[in-house]
N, C-alpha and C. Protein backbone atom coordinates (compact mmCIF):
# COMPACT_ATOMS: atom_id res chain seq x y z
N MET A 1 84.43 -50.43 42.38
CA MET A 1 85.61 -49.65 42.05
C MET A 1 85.60 -48.34 42.82
N HIS A 2 86.79 -47.83 43.05
CA HIS A 2 86.94 -46.59 43.80
C HIS A 2 87.65 -45.53 42.97
N VAL A 3 87.33 -44.30 43.28
CA VAL A 3 87.98 -43.14 42.68
C VAL A 3 89.09 -42.69 43.62
N ARG A 4 90.18 -42.23 43.06
CA ARG A 4 91.26 -41.61 43.84
C ARG A 4 91.33 -40.17 43.35
N LEU A 5 90.87 -39.25 44.19
CA LEU A 5 90.80 -37.84 43.84
C LEU A 5 91.76 -37.04 44.70
N LYS A 6 92.63 -36.31 44.04
CA LYS A 6 93.56 -35.43 44.74
C LYS A 6 93.03 -34.00 44.60
N LEU A 7 92.79 -33.36 45.73
CA LEU A 7 92.34 -31.98 45.75
C LEU A 7 93.54 -31.10 46.05
N LEU A 8 93.86 -30.22 45.13
CA LEU A 8 94.99 -29.32 45.28
C LEU A 8 94.45 -27.92 45.57
N ALA A 9 94.80 -27.38 46.73
CA ALA A 9 94.38 -26.02 47.06
C ALA A 9 95.18 -25.04 46.20
N ALA A 10 94.49 -24.10 45.60
CA ALA A 10 95.13 -23.12 44.73
C ALA A 10 96.18 -22.31 45.47
N ALA A 11 97.15 -21.80 44.71
CA ALA A 11 98.13 -20.87 45.26
C ALA A 11 97.39 -19.60 45.68
N ARG A 12 98.00 -18.81 46.49
CA ARG A 12 97.29 -17.64 47.03
C ARG A 12 97.19 -16.49 46.03
N SER A 13 96.15 -15.69 46.26
CA SER A 13 95.93 -14.54 45.41
C SER A 13 95.96 -13.24 46.19
N SER A 14 96.07 -13.33 47.51
CA SER A 14 96.11 -12.11 48.32
C SER A 14 96.58 -12.47 49.73
N ALA A 15 97.02 -11.46 50.45
CA ALA A 15 97.39 -11.65 51.84
C ALA A 15 96.14 -12.04 52.62
N LEU A 16 96.30 -12.81 53.68
CA LEU A 16 95.17 -13.30 54.47
C LEU A 16 94.24 -12.16 54.89
N LEU A 17 94.78 -11.05 55.34
CA LEU A 17 93.94 -9.96 55.82
C LEU A 17 93.19 -9.27 54.69
N ALA A 18 93.62 -9.45 53.46
CA ALA A 18 92.95 -8.83 52.32
C ALA A 18 91.97 -9.80 51.64
N THR A 19 91.81 -11.01 52.18
CA THR A 19 90.95 -12.00 51.58
C THR A 19 89.51 -11.53 51.63
N ARG A 20 88.86 -11.65 50.50
CA ARG A 20 87.48 -11.19 50.37
C ARG A 20 86.57 -12.35 49.99
N PHE A 21 85.31 -12.27 50.39
CA PHE A 21 84.34 -13.27 50.00
C PHE A 21 84.19 -13.23 48.48
N GLY A 22 84.24 -14.41 47.86
CA GLY A 22 84.10 -14.49 46.41
C GLY A 22 85.27 -13.87 45.67
N ASP A 23 86.44 -13.91 46.28
CA ASP A 23 87.63 -13.28 45.71
C ASP A 23 88.06 -14.02 44.45
N ASP A 24 87.93 -13.36 43.31
CA ASP A 24 88.31 -13.99 42.04
C ASP A 24 89.55 -13.33 41.44
N ARG A 25 90.38 -12.77 42.31
CA ARG A 25 91.59 -12.15 41.80
C ARG A 25 92.56 -13.22 41.32
N PRO A 26 93.39 -12.88 40.34
CA PRO A 26 94.40 -13.84 39.88
C PRO A 26 95.48 -14.02 40.94
N LEU A 27 96.38 -14.95 40.69
CA LEU A 27 97.49 -15.17 41.62
C LEU A 27 98.28 -13.88 41.80
N ASP A 28 98.72 -13.63 43.03
CA ASP A 28 99.62 -12.49 43.26
C ASP A 28 101.06 -12.98 43.04
N ALA A 29 102.01 -12.06 43.13
CA ALA A 29 103.41 -12.42 42.87
C ALA A 29 103.88 -13.53 43.79
N ALA A 30 103.52 -13.45 45.07
CA ALA A 30 103.93 -14.49 46.02
C ALA A 30 103.31 -15.84 45.64
N GLY A 31 102.05 -15.83 45.21
CA GLY A 31 101.40 -17.07 44.79
C GLY A 31 102.08 -17.70 43.58
N TRP A 32 102.46 -16.86 42.61
CA TRP A 32 103.19 -17.36 41.43
C TRP A 32 104.51 -18.01 41.85
N HIS A 33 105.26 -17.31 42.73
CA HIS A 33 106.56 -17.84 43.16
C HIS A 33 106.40 -19.15 43.94
N GLU A 34 105.39 -19.21 44.82
CA GLU A 34 105.16 -20.44 45.58
C GLU A 34 104.81 -21.60 44.64
N ALA A 35 103.96 -21.33 43.66
CA ALA A 35 103.58 -22.38 42.71
C ALA A 35 104.76 -22.82 41.86
N GLU A 36 105.58 -21.87 41.43
CA GLU A 36 106.78 -22.23 40.65
C GLU A 36 107.73 -23.08 41.46
N ARG A 37 107.91 -22.74 42.75
CA ARG A 37 108.79 -23.54 43.62
C ARG A 37 108.23 -24.95 43.86
N ALA A 38 106.91 -25.05 43.94
CA ALA A 38 106.27 -26.34 44.20
C ALA A 38 106.09 -27.19 42.94
N ALA A 39 106.23 -26.58 41.78
CA ALA A 39 105.98 -27.27 40.51
C ALA A 39 106.73 -28.59 40.35
N PRO A 40 108.02 -28.67 40.70
CA PRO A 40 108.71 -29.95 40.50
C PRO A 40 108.05 -31.12 41.25
N VAL A 41 107.42 -30.84 42.37
CA VAL A 41 106.74 -31.89 43.14
C VAL A 41 105.30 -32.07 42.65
N LEU A 42 104.60 -30.95 42.43
CA LEU A 42 103.18 -31.02 42.09
C LEU A 42 102.90 -31.34 40.63
N CYS A 43 103.88 -31.21 39.77
CA CYS A 43 103.63 -31.49 38.34
C CYS A 43 103.28 -32.96 38.12
N ARG A 44 103.60 -33.83 39.06
CA ARG A 44 103.23 -35.25 38.95
C ARG A 44 101.71 -35.43 38.90
N LEU A 45 100.96 -34.42 39.39
CA LEU A 45 99.51 -34.50 39.36
C LEU A 45 98.97 -34.46 37.93
N ALA A 46 99.79 -34.00 36.99
CA ALA A 46 99.37 -33.95 35.58
C ALA A 46 99.17 -35.35 35.00
N ALA A 47 99.65 -36.38 35.68
CA ALA A 47 99.46 -37.75 35.21
C ALA A 47 98.02 -38.22 35.38
N ALA A 48 97.21 -37.48 36.14
CA ALA A 48 95.81 -37.85 36.35
C ALA A 48 95.08 -37.82 35.01
N GLU A 49 94.23 -38.80 34.80
CA GLU A 49 93.49 -38.87 33.55
C GLU A 49 92.44 -37.77 33.45
N LEU A 50 91.84 -37.40 34.56
CA LEU A 50 90.84 -36.34 34.58
C LEU A 50 91.32 -35.22 35.48
N ARG A 51 91.36 -34.00 34.93
CA ARG A 51 91.89 -32.85 35.66
C ARG A 51 90.86 -31.72 35.63
N TYR A 52 90.46 -31.28 36.81
CA TYR A 52 89.43 -30.27 36.96
C TYR A 52 89.98 -29.08 37.74
N CYS A 53 89.20 -27.99 37.73
CA CYS A 53 89.51 -26.86 38.60
C CYS A 53 88.25 -26.06 38.88
N SER A 54 88.29 -25.33 39.98
CA SER A 54 87.26 -24.34 40.26
C SER A 54 87.36 -23.28 39.17
N PRO A 55 86.28 -22.58 38.87
CA PRO A 55 86.33 -21.59 37.78
C PRO A 55 87.04 -20.28 38.12
N SER A 56 87.52 -20.10 39.34
CA SER A 56 88.16 -18.84 39.71
C SER A 56 89.50 -18.67 38.99
N ALA A 57 89.91 -17.42 38.85
CA ALA A 57 91.17 -17.11 38.16
C ALA A 57 92.35 -17.79 38.82
N ARG A 58 92.41 -17.75 40.15
CA ARG A 58 93.59 -18.33 40.80
C ARG A 58 93.66 -19.84 40.66
N CYS A 59 92.51 -20.52 40.62
CA CYS A 59 92.52 -21.97 40.42
C CYS A 59 92.94 -22.32 39.00
N ARG A 60 92.38 -21.60 38.03
CA ARG A 60 92.77 -21.85 36.63
C ARG A 60 94.26 -21.58 36.43
N GLU A 61 94.76 -20.47 36.98
CA GLU A 61 96.18 -20.13 36.82
C GLU A 61 97.08 -21.13 37.53
N THR A 62 96.70 -21.59 38.71
CA THR A 62 97.49 -22.59 39.42
C THR A 62 97.58 -23.86 38.58
N GLY A 63 96.45 -24.31 38.06
CA GLY A 63 96.43 -25.51 37.23
C GLY A 63 97.28 -25.38 35.98
N GLU A 64 97.18 -24.24 35.32
CA GLU A 64 97.97 -24.02 34.10
C GLU A 64 99.46 -23.94 34.42
N LEU A 65 99.80 -23.25 35.49
CA LEU A 65 101.20 -23.11 35.88
C LEU A 65 101.85 -24.47 36.16
N LEU A 66 101.05 -25.39 36.67
CA LEU A 66 101.57 -26.73 36.99
C LEU A 66 101.43 -27.71 35.83
N GLY A 67 100.96 -27.22 34.69
CA GLY A 67 100.85 -28.08 33.51
C GLY A 67 99.68 -29.05 33.53
N LEU A 68 98.66 -28.74 34.32
CA LEU A 68 97.53 -29.66 34.44
C LEU A 68 96.49 -29.49 33.33
N THR A 69 96.42 -28.33 32.73
CA THR A 69 95.38 -27.98 31.76
C THR A 69 94.01 -28.49 32.22
N PRO A 70 93.56 -28.00 33.39
CA PRO A 70 92.32 -28.51 33.97
C PRO A 70 91.08 -27.95 33.29
N LEU A 71 90.00 -28.71 33.39
CA LEU A 71 88.69 -28.33 32.88
C LEU A 71 87.94 -27.64 34.02
N ALA A 72 87.52 -26.39 33.81
CA ALA A 72 86.79 -25.65 34.84
C ALA A 72 85.43 -26.30 35.08
N GLN A 73 85.11 -26.46 36.34
CA GLN A 73 83.85 -27.07 36.75
C GLN A 73 83.03 -26.05 37.54
N PRO A 74 81.93 -25.53 37.00
CA PRO A 74 81.12 -24.57 37.74
C PRO A 74 80.68 -25.07 39.11
N ALA A 75 80.46 -26.38 39.25
CA ALA A 75 80.05 -26.94 40.54
C ALA A 75 81.13 -26.82 41.61
N LEU A 76 82.37 -26.58 41.20
CA LEU A 76 83.48 -26.44 42.16
C LEU A 76 83.73 -24.98 42.56
N ARG A 77 82.82 -24.09 42.21
CA ARG A 77 83.00 -22.69 42.61
C ARG A 77 82.88 -22.58 44.13
N ASP A 78 83.48 -21.52 44.67
CA ASP A 78 83.43 -21.28 46.10
C ASP A 78 81.99 -20.96 46.51
N CYS A 79 81.75 -20.90 47.79
CA CYS A 79 80.42 -20.62 48.32
C CYS A 79 79.91 -19.27 47.82
N ASP A 80 78.66 -19.24 47.40
CA ASP A 80 78.02 -17.99 46.95
C ASP A 80 77.70 -17.16 48.19
N MET A 81 78.39 -16.02 48.33
CA MET A 81 78.24 -15.19 49.51
C MET A 81 77.29 -14.01 49.31
N GLY A 82 76.48 -14.07 48.28
CA GLY A 82 75.43 -13.07 48.08
C GLY A 82 75.96 -11.64 48.14
N ARG A 83 75.29 -10.81 48.93
CA ARG A 83 75.67 -9.39 49.00
C ARG A 83 77.00 -9.15 49.72
N TRP A 84 77.55 -10.19 50.35
CA TRP A 84 78.87 -10.04 51.00
C TRP A 84 80.01 -10.22 49.99
N HIS A 85 79.68 -10.61 48.80
CA HIS A 85 80.69 -10.84 47.75
C HIS A 85 81.59 -9.60 47.61
N GLY A 86 82.89 -9.83 47.61
CA GLY A 86 83.86 -8.74 47.44
C GLY A 86 84.22 -8.00 48.71
N ARG A 87 83.59 -8.34 49.82
CA ARG A 87 83.89 -7.66 51.09
C ARG A 87 84.70 -8.58 51.98
N THR A 88 85.47 -8.00 52.92
CA THR A 88 86.24 -8.80 53.88
C THR A 88 85.34 -9.16 55.05
N LEU A 89 85.74 -10.17 55.80
CA LEU A 89 84.99 -10.57 56.99
C LEU A 89 84.92 -9.39 57.97
N GLY A 90 86.02 -8.65 58.11
CA GLY A 90 86.02 -7.49 59.01
C GLY A 90 85.00 -6.44 58.60
N GLU A 91 84.90 -6.18 57.31
CA GLU A 91 83.92 -5.20 56.82
C GLU A 91 82.50 -5.66 57.10
N VAL A 92 82.23 -6.92 56.84
CA VAL A 92 80.88 -7.45 57.05
C VAL A 92 80.56 -7.49 58.55
N THR A 93 81.51 -7.88 59.37
CA THR A 93 81.29 -7.93 60.82
C THR A 93 80.97 -6.55 61.37
N ALA A 94 81.67 -5.53 60.89
CA ALA A 94 81.41 -4.17 61.35
C ALA A 94 80.02 -3.69 60.94
N ALA A 95 79.57 -4.08 59.75
CA ALA A 95 78.28 -3.62 59.24
C ALA A 95 77.10 -4.48 59.70
N GLU A 96 77.32 -5.79 59.84
CA GLU A 96 76.23 -6.72 60.16
C GLU A 96 76.67 -7.77 61.19
N PRO A 97 77.01 -7.35 62.41
CA PRO A 97 77.53 -8.33 63.37
C PRO A 97 76.55 -9.46 63.69
N GLY A 98 75.27 -9.17 63.80
CA GLY A 98 74.29 -10.21 64.08
C GLY A 98 74.18 -11.21 62.96
N ALA A 99 74.25 -10.73 61.72
CA ALA A 99 74.17 -11.61 60.56
C ALA A 99 75.38 -12.54 60.50
N VAL A 100 76.56 -11.99 60.80
CA VAL A 100 77.77 -12.82 60.81
C VAL A 100 77.67 -13.88 61.89
N ASP A 101 77.20 -13.50 63.09
CA ASP A 101 77.03 -14.47 64.18
C ASP A 101 76.08 -15.59 63.77
N ALA A 102 74.97 -15.23 63.12
CA ALA A 102 73.99 -16.24 62.68
C ALA A 102 74.61 -17.16 61.64
N TRP A 103 75.35 -16.59 60.71
CA TRP A 103 75.99 -17.37 59.64
C TRP A 103 77.00 -18.36 60.21
N LEU A 104 77.78 -17.94 61.21
CA LEU A 104 78.78 -18.81 61.80
C LEU A 104 78.17 -19.89 62.70
N ALA A 105 77.02 -19.58 63.30
CA ALA A 105 76.41 -20.51 64.26
C ALA A 105 75.48 -21.53 63.62
N ASP A 106 74.81 -21.16 62.55
CA ASP A 106 73.79 -22.02 61.95
C ASP A 106 74.15 -22.36 60.51
N PRO A 107 74.48 -23.62 60.22
CA PRO A 107 74.89 -23.99 58.87
C PRO A 107 73.77 -23.86 57.82
N ARG A 108 72.55 -23.67 58.26
CA ARG A 108 71.44 -23.48 57.32
C ARG A 108 71.17 -22.00 57.04
N SER A 109 71.87 -21.15 57.77
CA SER A 109 71.67 -19.71 57.65
C SER A 109 72.40 -19.12 56.44
N ALA A 110 71.73 -18.20 55.77
CA ALA A 110 72.34 -17.49 54.63
C ALA A 110 71.91 -16.03 54.69
N PRO A 111 72.31 -15.31 55.74
CA PRO A 111 71.87 -13.92 55.88
C PRO A 111 72.39 -13.00 54.79
N HIS A 112 73.36 -13.45 54.04
CA HIS A 112 73.93 -12.66 52.95
C HIS A 112 73.10 -12.78 51.67
N GLY A 113 72.14 -13.70 51.67
CA GLY A 113 71.31 -13.87 50.50
C GLY A 113 71.88 -14.84 49.48
N GLY A 114 72.99 -15.47 49.83
CA GLY A 114 73.61 -16.44 48.91
C GLY A 114 73.33 -17.86 49.37
N GLU A 115 74.38 -18.64 49.43
CA GLU A 115 74.29 -20.07 49.72
C GLU A 115 74.62 -20.32 51.19
N SER A 116 73.84 -21.16 51.86
CA SER A 116 74.17 -21.53 53.24
C SER A 116 75.36 -22.48 53.23
N LEU A 117 76.02 -22.61 54.37
CA LEU A 117 77.14 -23.54 54.48
C LEU A 117 76.69 -24.96 54.17
N LEU A 118 75.53 -25.35 54.67
CA LEU A 118 75.03 -26.70 54.42
C LEU A 118 74.77 -26.92 52.92
N ALA A 119 74.19 -25.93 52.25
CA ALA A 119 73.95 -26.05 50.81
C ALA A 119 75.27 -26.14 50.05
N PHE A 120 76.26 -25.38 50.47
CA PHE A 120 77.58 -25.40 49.84
C PHE A 120 78.22 -26.78 49.98
N ILE A 121 78.25 -27.31 51.20
CA ILE A 121 78.84 -28.63 51.45
C ILE A 121 78.10 -29.69 50.62
N THR A 122 76.78 -29.59 50.56
CA THR A 122 75.99 -30.55 49.78
C THR A 122 76.31 -30.46 48.29
N ARG A 123 76.45 -29.24 47.77
CA ARG A 123 76.79 -29.06 46.35
C ARG A 123 78.14 -29.72 46.03
N ILE A 124 79.14 -29.47 46.88
CA ILE A 124 80.46 -30.07 46.65
C ILE A 124 80.38 -31.59 46.79
N GLY A 125 79.61 -32.08 47.75
CA GLY A 125 79.41 -33.52 47.90
C GLY A 125 78.75 -34.15 46.68
N ASN A 126 77.77 -33.46 46.12
CA ASN A 126 77.12 -33.96 44.90
C ASN A 126 78.12 -34.06 43.75
N TRP A 127 79.03 -33.07 43.66
CA TRP A 127 80.06 -33.13 42.62
C TRP A 127 80.95 -34.35 42.86
N LEU A 128 81.37 -34.55 44.11
CA LEU A 128 82.21 -35.72 44.43
C LEU A 128 81.51 -37.01 44.01
N ASP A 129 80.25 -37.12 44.38
CA ASP A 129 79.52 -38.37 44.17
C ASP A 129 79.20 -38.65 42.71
N THR A 130 79.42 -37.70 41.83
CA THR A 130 79.13 -37.93 40.42
C THR A 130 80.40 -38.05 39.58
N ARG A 131 81.55 -38.24 40.21
CA ARG A 131 82.79 -38.44 39.44
C ARG A 131 82.76 -39.79 38.77
N PRO A 132 83.23 -39.84 37.53
CA PRO A 132 83.25 -41.12 36.81
C PRO A 132 84.21 -42.10 37.48
N ILE A 133 83.77 -43.34 37.52
CA ILE A 133 84.60 -44.39 38.11
C ILE A 133 85.12 -45.28 37.00
N GLU A 134 86.42 -45.26 36.82
CA GLU A 134 87.06 -46.12 35.83
C GLU A 134 88.23 -46.81 36.52
N GLN A 135 88.45 -48.03 36.16
CA GLN A 135 89.55 -48.79 36.76
C GLN A 135 90.87 -48.04 36.61
N GLY A 136 91.48 -47.67 37.71
CA GLY A 136 92.79 -47.04 37.71
C GLY A 136 92.81 -45.58 37.31
N ALA A 137 91.64 -44.97 37.05
CA ALA A 137 91.63 -43.56 36.64
C ALA A 137 91.95 -42.67 37.83
N GLY A 138 92.91 -41.78 37.63
CA GLY A 138 93.22 -40.80 38.66
C GLY A 138 92.57 -39.48 38.34
N LEU A 139 92.15 -38.78 39.38
CA LEU A 139 91.52 -37.48 39.22
C LEU A 139 92.25 -36.46 40.06
N VAL A 140 92.30 -35.23 39.57
CA VAL A 140 92.85 -34.12 40.34
C VAL A 140 91.94 -32.93 40.13
N ALA A 141 91.77 -32.13 41.18
CA ALA A 141 90.98 -30.91 41.08
C ALA A 141 91.70 -29.80 41.83
N VAL A 142 91.96 -28.69 41.14
CA VAL A 142 92.52 -27.50 41.77
C VAL A 142 91.33 -26.68 42.25
N ALA A 143 91.29 -26.41 43.54
CA ALA A 143 90.10 -25.78 44.11
C ALA A 143 90.46 -24.73 45.15
N GLU A 144 89.48 -23.90 45.43
CA GLU A 144 89.61 -22.92 46.51
C GLU A 144 89.72 -23.68 47.83
N PRO A 145 90.42 -23.13 48.82
CA PRO A 145 90.50 -23.80 50.12
C PRO A 145 89.12 -24.13 50.71
N GLY A 146 88.15 -23.24 50.52
CA GLY A 146 86.80 -23.50 51.03
C GLY A 146 86.16 -24.71 50.40
N VAL A 147 86.43 -24.93 49.12
CA VAL A 147 85.91 -26.10 48.42
C VAL A 147 86.54 -27.37 48.99
N VAL A 148 87.83 -27.34 49.26
CA VAL A 148 88.51 -28.50 49.84
C VAL A 148 87.93 -28.79 51.23
N ARG A 149 87.72 -27.74 52.02
CA ARG A 149 87.13 -27.91 53.35
C ARG A 149 85.74 -28.53 53.25
N ALA A 150 84.93 -28.05 52.32
CA ALA A 150 83.58 -28.58 52.13
C ALA A 150 83.64 -30.05 51.71
N ALA A 151 84.57 -30.38 50.81
CA ALA A 151 84.72 -31.77 50.36
C ALA A 151 85.09 -32.68 51.53
N LEU A 152 85.98 -32.20 52.39
CA LEU A 152 86.38 -33.01 53.54
C LEU A 152 85.22 -33.19 54.52
N ALA A 153 84.49 -32.14 54.80
CA ALA A 153 83.34 -32.25 55.71
C ALA A 153 82.32 -33.26 55.16
N TYR A 154 82.08 -33.20 53.86
CA TYR A 154 81.14 -34.13 53.23
C TYR A 154 81.68 -35.56 53.24
N ALA A 155 82.92 -35.72 52.78
CA ALA A 155 83.50 -37.06 52.66
C ALA A 155 83.55 -37.78 54.00
N LEU A 156 83.86 -37.05 55.05
CA LEU A 156 83.98 -37.66 56.38
C LEU A 156 82.65 -37.72 57.11
N GLN A 157 81.59 -37.26 56.46
CA GLN A 157 80.25 -37.23 57.05
C GLN A 157 80.27 -36.54 58.41
N ALA A 158 81.05 -35.47 58.47
CA ALA A 158 81.20 -34.71 59.71
C ALA A 158 80.08 -33.67 59.81
N PRO A 159 79.74 -33.25 61.01
CA PRO A 159 78.75 -32.19 61.16
C PRO A 159 79.23 -30.94 60.41
N PRO A 160 78.31 -30.16 59.83
CA PRO A 160 78.70 -29.00 59.03
C PRO A 160 79.64 -28.02 59.74
N HIS A 161 79.48 -27.84 61.06
CA HIS A 161 80.35 -26.88 61.76
C HIS A 161 81.81 -27.31 61.76
N THR A 162 82.08 -28.57 61.42
CA THR A 162 83.46 -29.05 61.29
C THR A 162 84.21 -28.26 60.22
N TYR A 163 83.48 -27.77 59.24
CA TYR A 163 84.06 -26.97 58.16
C TYR A 163 84.96 -25.87 58.72
N TRP A 164 84.53 -25.22 59.79
CA TRP A 164 85.28 -24.10 60.37
C TRP A 164 86.56 -24.55 61.06
N ARG A 165 86.72 -25.83 61.29
CA ARG A 165 87.89 -26.38 62.00
C ARG A 165 88.94 -26.99 61.08
N ILE A 166 88.72 -26.91 59.78
CA ILE A 166 89.65 -27.49 58.81
C ILE A 166 90.49 -26.36 58.22
N ASP A 167 91.80 -26.49 58.32
CA ASP A 167 92.73 -25.48 57.81
C ASP A 167 93.38 -26.03 56.54
N VAL A 168 93.13 -25.37 55.43
CA VAL A 168 93.68 -25.80 54.14
C VAL A 168 94.67 -24.75 53.67
N GLN A 169 95.91 -25.13 53.54
CA GLN A 169 96.98 -24.22 53.13
C GLN A 169 97.09 -24.19 51.60
N PRO A 170 97.52 -23.05 51.05
CA PRO A 170 97.75 -22.98 49.60
C PRO A 170 98.71 -24.07 49.14
N LEU A 171 98.39 -24.68 48.03
CA LEU A 171 99.19 -25.71 47.37
C LEU A 171 99.29 -27.02 48.16
N SER A 172 98.43 -27.19 49.15
CA SER A 172 98.38 -28.47 49.86
C SER A 172 97.56 -29.46 49.04
N VAL A 173 97.86 -30.73 49.18
CA VAL A 173 97.16 -31.77 48.44
C VAL A 173 96.43 -32.68 49.44
N THR A 174 95.15 -32.88 49.21
CA THR A 174 94.32 -33.75 50.04
C THR A 174 93.81 -34.87 49.13
N THR A 175 93.93 -36.10 49.59
CA THR A 175 93.50 -37.24 48.77
C THR A 175 92.26 -37.88 49.38
N LEU A 176 91.23 -38.02 48.55
CA LEU A 176 90.03 -38.74 48.93
C LEU A 176 89.93 -39.98 48.05
N THR A 177 89.54 -41.10 48.65
CA THR A 177 89.31 -42.32 47.88
C THR A 177 87.91 -42.81 48.19
N GLY A 178 87.31 -43.47 47.22
CA GLY A 178 85.99 -44.03 47.46
C GLY A 178 85.08 -43.91 46.28
N SER A 179 83.80 -43.86 46.59
CA SER A 179 82.76 -43.76 45.57
C SER A 179 81.57 -43.04 46.21
N ALA A 180 80.55 -42.83 45.44
CA ALA A 180 79.39 -42.06 45.90
C ALA A 180 78.94 -42.46 47.30
N GLY A 181 78.94 -41.49 48.20
CA GLY A 181 78.49 -41.70 49.56
C GLY A 181 79.41 -42.52 50.44
N ASN A 182 80.57 -42.92 49.94
CA ASN A 182 81.49 -43.78 50.71
C ASN A 182 82.92 -43.32 50.48
N TRP A 183 83.28 -42.21 51.10
CA TRP A 183 84.58 -41.58 50.90
C TRP A 183 85.47 -41.74 52.12
N SER A 184 86.77 -41.80 51.87
CA SER A 184 87.77 -41.87 52.94
C SER A 184 88.86 -40.86 52.66
N LEU A 185 89.45 -40.37 53.71
CA LEU A 185 90.62 -39.49 53.62
C LEU A 185 91.85 -40.35 53.61
N ALA A 186 92.72 -40.17 52.63
CA ALA A 186 93.96 -40.95 52.54
C ALA A 186 95.14 -40.02 52.84
N LEU A 187 95.84 -40.29 53.89
CA LEU A 187 97.03 -39.51 54.24
C LEU A 187 98.24 -40.18 53.63
N GLU A 188 99.03 -39.39 52.91
CA GLU A 188 100.18 -39.94 52.20
C GLU A 188 101.47 -39.32 52.73
N ALA A 189 102.52 -40.06 52.62
CA ALA A 189 103.83 -39.56 53.06
C ALA A 189 104.44 -38.67 52.01
């Protein structure tokens, strides 16, 4: 049997330039409006038997706004960025350019003292591989864009640096089908 998991990227909580590592801010006004406009299409996801979300404020709020009443999953939290938490990439690059270069070049590197990219992708993959398999059960998870990127890198068994090449837009839906260690990306019309 296979699982059909729809990953919904949360609505935005800040302008791109204001995005911070470990940003747990709630939805901003634009994010609320975008989610409300998308609700007539995305509310169909509430039909899933199992509904999850990352524990961040914006993921919980996106799920609630769409009527999903998702269960927060600590394993779906964004990458632990250690001492970089709460800072922008620009701020960290200005203060620690060598550390940022190492972090971007080596997926095993964690110069911030948190989680390496490889450890993050593995954690998300472990969550994927432990989803319950029931005949016809649909699953949905509202997650941070980084979590969706990690899930795709894992599911496609792509090299970890592929993570940096995946662009996940707010309120986009990505469908994965399969079972532990055997995932496929399903593109839908």
